[in-house]
Amino acid sequence: MKQMTARLKEEIAAQARPIREVVQRSEYNLYLEGMRRELDRSHYGRLQSPGLDLPR
């Protein structure tokens, strides 16, 4: 019984590792997206000034 429990714990840990990495990556991507939006909001006037043709 103890061997089975230990093996189950190992399997769960092995499966949880990739999930944790994906979650951390997606949280980081959301953070970057928020920072990008914040920069767009704070620099909106400068980016949209006449004569300045910047791609969005």
PDB file of N, CA and C in Angstrom:
ATOM      1  N   MET A   1       0.829  -1.202   0.000  1.00  0.00           N
ATOM      2  CA  MET A   1       0.000   0.000   0.000  1.00  0.00           C
ATOM      3  C   MET A   1       0.867   1.257   0.000  1.00  0.00           C
ATOM      4  N   LYS A   2       1.921   1.263   0.823  1.00  0.00           N
ATOM      5  CA  LYS A   2       2.798   2.437   0.882  1.00  0.00           C
ATOM      6  C   LYS A   2       3.537   2.635  -0.432  1.00  0.00           C
ATOM      7  N   GLN A   3       3.938   1.505  -1.061  1.00  0.00           N
ATOM      8  CA  GLN A   3       4.630   1.609  -2.346  1.00  0.00           C
ATOM      9  C   GLN A   3       3.698   2.199  -3.403  1.00  0.00           C
ATOM     10  N   MET A   4       2.452   1.784  -3.363  1.00  0.00           N
ATOM     11  CA  MET A   4       1.480   2.277  -4.329  1.00  0.00           C
ATOM     12  C   MET A   4       1.235   3.775  -4.116  1.00  0.00           C
ATOM     13  N   THR A   5       1.144   4.182  -2.860  1.00  0.00           N
ATOM     14  CA  THR A   5       0.935   5.594  -2.548  1.00  0.00           C
ATOM     15  C   THR A   5       2.128   6.421  -3.008  1.00  0.00           C
ATOM     16  N   ALA A   6       3.330   5.924  -2.762  1.00  0.00           N
ATOM     17  CA  ALA A   6       4.536   6.644  -3.178  1.00  0.00           C
ATOM     18  C   ALA A   6       4.586   6.762  -4.699  1.00  0.00           C
ATOM     19  N   ARG A   7       4.225   5.675  -5.386  1.00  0.00           N
ATOM     20  CA  ARG A   7       4.242   5.703  -6.847  1.00  0.00           C
ATOM     21  C   ARG A   7       3.193   6.686  -7.384  1.00  0.00           C
ATOM     22  N   LEU A   8       2.024   6.697  -6.765  1.00  0.00           N
ATOM     23  CA  LEU A   8       0.983   7.640  -7.178  1.00  0.00           C
ATOM     24  C   LEU A   8       1.441   9.078  -6.972  1.00  0.00           C
ATOM     25  N   LYS A   9       2.083   9.341  -5.844  1.00  0.00           N
ATOM     26  CA  LYS A   9       2.583  10.694  -5.577  1.00  0.00           C
ATOM     27  C   LYS A   9       3.608  11.106  -6.626  1.00  0.00           C
ATOM     28  N   GLU A  10       4.490  10.182  -7.012  1.00  0.00           N
ATOM     29  CA  GLU A  10       5.496  10.474  -8.039  1.00  0.00           C
ATOM     30  C   GLU A  10       4.826  10.778  -9.381  1.00  0.00           C
ATOM     31  N   GLU A  11       3.819   9.971  -9.734  1.00  0.00           N
ATOM     32  CA  GLU A  11       3.119  10.187 -11.005  1.00  0.00           C
ATOM     33  C   GLU A  11       2.388  11.528 -11.017  1.00  0.00           C
ATOM     34  N   ILE A  12       1.752  11.851  -9.906  1.00  0.00           N
ATOM     35  CA  ILE A  12       1.037  13.131  -9.819  1.00  0.00           C
ATOM     36  C   ILE A  12       2.020  14.290  -9.923  1.00  0.00           C
ATOM     37  N   ALA A  13       3.150  14.184  -9.245  1.00  0.00           N
ATOM     38  CA  ALA A  13       4.158  15.247  -9.300  1.00  0.00           C
ATOM     39  C   ALA A  13       4.692  15.399 -10.722  1.00  0.00           C
ATOM     40  N   ALA A  14       4.903  14.282 -11.413  1.00  0.00           N
ATOM     41  CA  ALA A  14       5.414  14.338 -12.783  1.00  0.00           C
ATOM     42  C   ALA A  14       4.397  14.994 -13.718  1.00  0.00           C
ATOM     43  N   GLN A  15       3.114  14.773 -13.470  1.00  0.00           N
ATOM     44  CA  GLN A  15       2.081  15.384 -14.312  1.00  0.00           C
ATOM     45  C   GLN A  15       1.859  16.845 -13.949  1.00  0.00           C
ATOM     46  N   ALA A  16       2.048  17.185 -12.686  1.00  0.00           N
ATOM     47  CA  ALA A  16       1.794  18.555 -12.230  1.00  0.00           C
ATOM     48  C   ALA A  16       2.878  19.515 -12.709  1.00  0.00           C
ATOM     49  N   ARG A  17       4.089  19.028 -12.892  1.00  0.00           N
ATOM     50  CA  ARG A  17       5.197  19.902 -13.291  1.00  0.00           C
ATOM     51  C   ARG A  17       4.914  20.626 -14.605  1.00  0.00           C
ATOM     52  N   PRO A  18       4.557  19.926 -15.700  1.00  0.00           N
ATOM     53  CA  PRO A  18       4.267  20.640 -16.953  1.00  0.00           C
ATOM     54  C   PRO A  18       3.075  21.586 -16.824  1.00  0.00           C
ATOM     55  N   ILE A  19       2.069  21.179 -16.046  1.00  0.00           N
ATOM     56  CA  ILE A  19       0.903  22.048 -15.857  1.00  0.00           C
ATOM     57  C   ILE A  19       1.328  23.329 -15.164  1.00  0.00           C
ATOM     58  N   ARG A  20       2.167  23.215 -14.145  1.00  0.00           N
ATOM     59  CA  ARG A  20       2.649  24.385 -13.410  1.00  0.00           C
ATOM     60  C   ARG A  20       3.423  25.309 -14.344  1.00  0.00           C
ATOM     61  N   GLU A  21       4.246  24.727 -15.210  1.00  0.00           N
ATOM     62  CA  GLU A  21       5.028  25.538 -16.153  1.00  0.00           C
ATOM     63  C   GLU A  21       4.110  26.286 -17.116  1.00  0.00           C
ATOM     64  N   VAL A  22       3.074  25.626 -17.598  1.00  0.00           N
ATOM     65  CA  VAL A  22       2.132  26.265 -18.523  1.00  0.00           C
ATOM     66  C   VAL A  22       1.404  27.407 -17.824  1.00  0.00           C
ATOM     67  N   VAL A  23       0.986  27.178 -16.582  1.00  0.00           N
ATOM     68  CA  VAL A  23       0.274  28.217 -15.828  1.00  0.00           C
ATOM     69  C   VAL A  23       1.184  29.417 -15.609  1.00  0.00           C
ATOM     70  N   GLN A  24       2.443  29.164 -15.224  1.00  0.00           N
ATOM     71  CA  GLN A  24       3.373  30.271 -15.003  1.00  0.00           C
ATOM     72  C   GLN A  24       3.607  31.044 -16.294  1.00  0.00           C
ATOM     73  N   ARG A  25       3.735  30.321 -17.408  1.00  0.00           N
ATOM     74  CA  ARG A  25       3.943  30.976 -18.698  1.00  0.00           C
ATOM     75  C   ARG A  25       2.739  31.837 -19.066  1.00  0.00           C
ATOM     76  N   SER A  26       1.535  31.300 -18.864  1.00  0.00           N
ATOM     77  CA  SER A  26       0.340  32.065 -19.228  1.00  0.00           C
ATOM     78  C   SER A  26       0.162  33.266 -18.311  1.00  0.00           C
ATOM     79  N   GLU A  27       0.507  33.126 -17.013  1.00  0.00           N
ATOM     80  CA  GLU A  27       0.436  34.273 -16.108  1.00  0.00           C
ATOM     81  C   GLU A  27       1.411  35.350 -16.557  1.00  0.00           C
ATOM     82  N   TYR A  28       2.602  34.940 -16.970  1.00  0.00           N
ATOM     83  CA  TYR A  28       3.612  35.897 -17.433  1.00  0.00           C
ATOM     84  C   TYR A  28       3.141  36.594 -18.708  1.00  0.00           C
ATOM     85  N   ASN A  29       2.523  35.824 -19.614  1.00  0.00           N
ATOM     86  CA  ASN A  29       2.000  36.418 -20.850  1.00  0.00           C
ATOM     87  C   ASN A  29       0.899  37.425 -20.549  1.00  0.00           C
ATOM     88  N   LEU A  30       0.036  37.117 -19.576  1.00  0.00           N
ATOM     89  CA  LEU A  30      -1.007  38.067 -19.184  1.00  0.00           C
ATOM     90  C   LEU A  30      -0.388  39.327 -18.597  1.00  0.00           C
ATOM     91  N   TYR A  31       0.669  39.144 -17.805  1.00  0.00           N
ATOM     92  CA  TYR A  31       1.369  40.294 -17.228  1.00  0.00           C
ATOM     93  C   TYR A  31       1.944  41.179 -18.336  1.00  0.00           C
ATOM     94  N   LEU A  32       2.604  40.550 -19.312  1.00  0.00           N
ATOM     95  CA  LEU A  32       3.183  41.313 -20.424  1.00  0.00           C
ATOM     96  C   LEU A  32       2.100  42.024 -21.228  1.00  0.00           C
ATOM     97  N   GLU A  33       0.977  41.347 -21.440  1.00  0.00           N
ATOM     98  CA  GLU A  33      -0.120  41.964 -22.181  1.00  0.00           C
ATOM     99  C   GLU A  33      -0.653  43.188 -21.431  1.00  0.00           C
ATOM    100  N   GLY A  34      -0.767  43.079 -20.120  1.00  0.00           N
ATOM    101  CA  GLY A  34      -1.210  44.211 -19.311  1.00  0.00           C
ATOM    102  C   GLY A  34      -0.234  45.368 -19.376  1.00  0.00           C
ATOM    103  N   MET A  35       1.065  45.054 -19.328  1.00  0.00           N
ATOM    104  CA  MET A  35       2.080  46.106 -19.421  1.00  0.00           C
ATOM    105  C   MET A  35       2.007  46.782 -20.788  1.00  0.00           C
ATOM    106  N   ARG A  36       1.799  45.992 -21.836  1.00  0.00           N
ATOM    107  CA  ARG A  36       1.699  46.540 -23.184  1.00  0.00           C
ATOM    108  C   ARG A  36       0.505  47.491 -23.291  1.00  0.00           C
ATOM    109  N   ARG A  37      -0.623  47.070 -22.721  1.00  0.00           N
ATOM    110  CA  ARG A  37      -1.816  47.933 -22.732  1.00  0.00           C
ATOM    111  C   ARG A  37      -1.564  49.221 -21.962  1.00  0.00           C
ATOM    112  N   GLU A  38      -0.888  49.094 -20.825  1.00  0.00           N
ATOM    113  CA  GLU A  38      -0.585  50.269 -20.005  1.00  0.00           C
ATOM    114  C   GLU A  38       0.301  51.234 -20.782  1.00  0.00           C
ATOM    115  N   LEU A  39       1.295  50.697 -21.470  1.00  0.00           N
ATOM    116  CA  LEU A  39       2.175  51.548 -22.277  1.00  0.00           C
ATOM    117  C   LEU A  39       1.397  52.199 -23.414  1.00  0.00           C
ATOM    118  N   ASP A  40       0.530  51.428 -24.067  1.00  0.00           N
ATOM    119  CA  ASP A  40      -0.295  51.989 -25.142  1.00  0.00           C
ATOM    120  C   ASP A  40      -1.146  53.134 -24.607  1.00  0.00           C
ATOM    121  N   ARG A  41      -1.712  52.944 -23.416  1.00  0.00           N
ATOM    122  CA  ARG A  41      -2.582  53.960 -22.840  1.00  0.00           C
ATOM    123  C   ARG A  41      -1.781  55.216 -22.483  1.00  0.00           C
ATOM    124  N   SER A  42      -0.605  55.023 -21.892  1.00  0.00           N
ATOM    125  CA  SER A  42       0.164  56.189 -21.444  1.00  0.00           C
ATOM    126  C   SER A  42       0.844  56.917 -22.601  1.00  0.00           C
ATOM    127  N   HIS A  43       1.118  56.222 -23.694  1.00  0.00           N
ATOM    128  CA  HIS A  43       1.809  56.842 -24.831  1.00  0.00           C
ATOM    129  C   HIS A  43       0.882  57.038 -26.021  1.00  0.00           C
ATOM    130  N   TYR A  44      -0.414  56.917 -25.789  1.00  0.00           N
ATOM    131  CA  TYR A  44      -1.365  56.966 -26.902  1.00  0.00           C
ATOM    132  C   TYR A  44      -1.236  58.262 -27.700  1.00  0.00           C
ATOM    133  N   GLY A  45      -1.188  59.396 -27.023  1.00  0.00           N
ATOM    134  CA  GLY A  45      -1.080  60.678 -27.713  1.00  0.00           C
ATOM    135  C   GLY A  45       0.181  60.780 -28.536  1.00  0.00           C
ATOM    136  N   ARG A  46       1.279  60.298 -27.975  1.00  0.00           N
ATOM    137  CA  ARG A  46       2.551  60.379 -28.685  1.00  0.00           C
ATOM    138  C   ARG A  46       2.556  59.453 -29.905  1.00  0.00           C
ATOM    139  N   LEU A  47       1.990  58.248 -29.735  1.00  0.00           N
ATOM    140  CA  LEU A  47       1.975  57.291 -30.849  1.00  0.00           C
ATOM    141  C   LEU A  47       1.058  57.751 -31.976  1.00  0.00           C
ATOM    142  N   GLN A  48       0.003  58.475 -31.633  1.00  0.00           N
ATOM    143  CA  GLN A  48      -0.977  58.880 -32.635  1.00  0.00           C
ATOM    144  C   GLN A  48      -0.741  60.299 -33.158  1.00  0.00           C
ATOM    145  N   SER A  49       0.400  60.883 -32.819  1.00  0.00           N
ATOM    146  CA  SER A  49       0.642  62.260 -33.260  1.00  0.00           C
ATOM    147  C   SER A  49       0.764  62.320 -34.779  1.00  0.00           C
ATOM    148  N   PRO A  50       0.335  63.423 -35.394  1.00  0.00           N
ATOM    149  CA  PRO A  50       0.370  63.542 -36.855  1.00  0.00           C
ATOM    150  C   PRO A  50       1.801  63.467 -37.390  1.00  0.00           C
ATOM    151  N   GLY A  51       1.936  62.829 -38.535  1.00  0.00           N
ATOM    152  CA  GLY A  51       3.251  62.729 -39.157  1.00  0.00           C
ATOM    153  C   GLY A  51       4.071  61.562 -38.641  1.00  0.00           C
ATOM    154  N   LEU A  52       3.587  60.895 -37.631  1.00  0.00           N
ATOM    155  CA  LEU A  52       4.311  59.760 -37.064  1.00  0.00           C
ATOM    156  C   LEU A  52       3.535  58.500 -37.428  1.00  0.00           C
ATOM    157  N   ASP A  53       4.036  57.758 -38.382  1.00  0.00           N
ATOM    158  CA  ASP A  53       3.320  56.594 -38.883  1.00  0.00           C
ATOM    159  C   ASP A  53       3.919  55.334 -38.270  1.00  0.00           C
ATOM    160  N   LEU A  54       3.443  54.960 -37.082  1.00  0.00           N
ATOM    161  CA  LEU A  54       3.940  53.762 -36.412  1.00  0.00           C
ATOM    162  C   LEU A  54       2.922  52.638 -36.561  1.00  0.00           C
ATOM    163  N   PRO A  55       3.386  51.436 -36.831  1.00  0.00           N
ATOM    164  CA  PRO A  55       2.447  50.308 -36.919  1.00  0.00           C
ATOM    165  C   PRO A  55       1.875  49.978 -35.550  1.00  0.00           C
ATOM    166  N   ARG A  56       0.618  49.603 -35.510  1.00  0.00           N
ATOM    167  CA  ARG A  56      -0.017  49.226 -34.236  1.00  0.00           C
ATOM    168  C   ARG A  56       0.184  47.762 -33.973  1.00  0.00           C
TER     169      ARG A  56
END
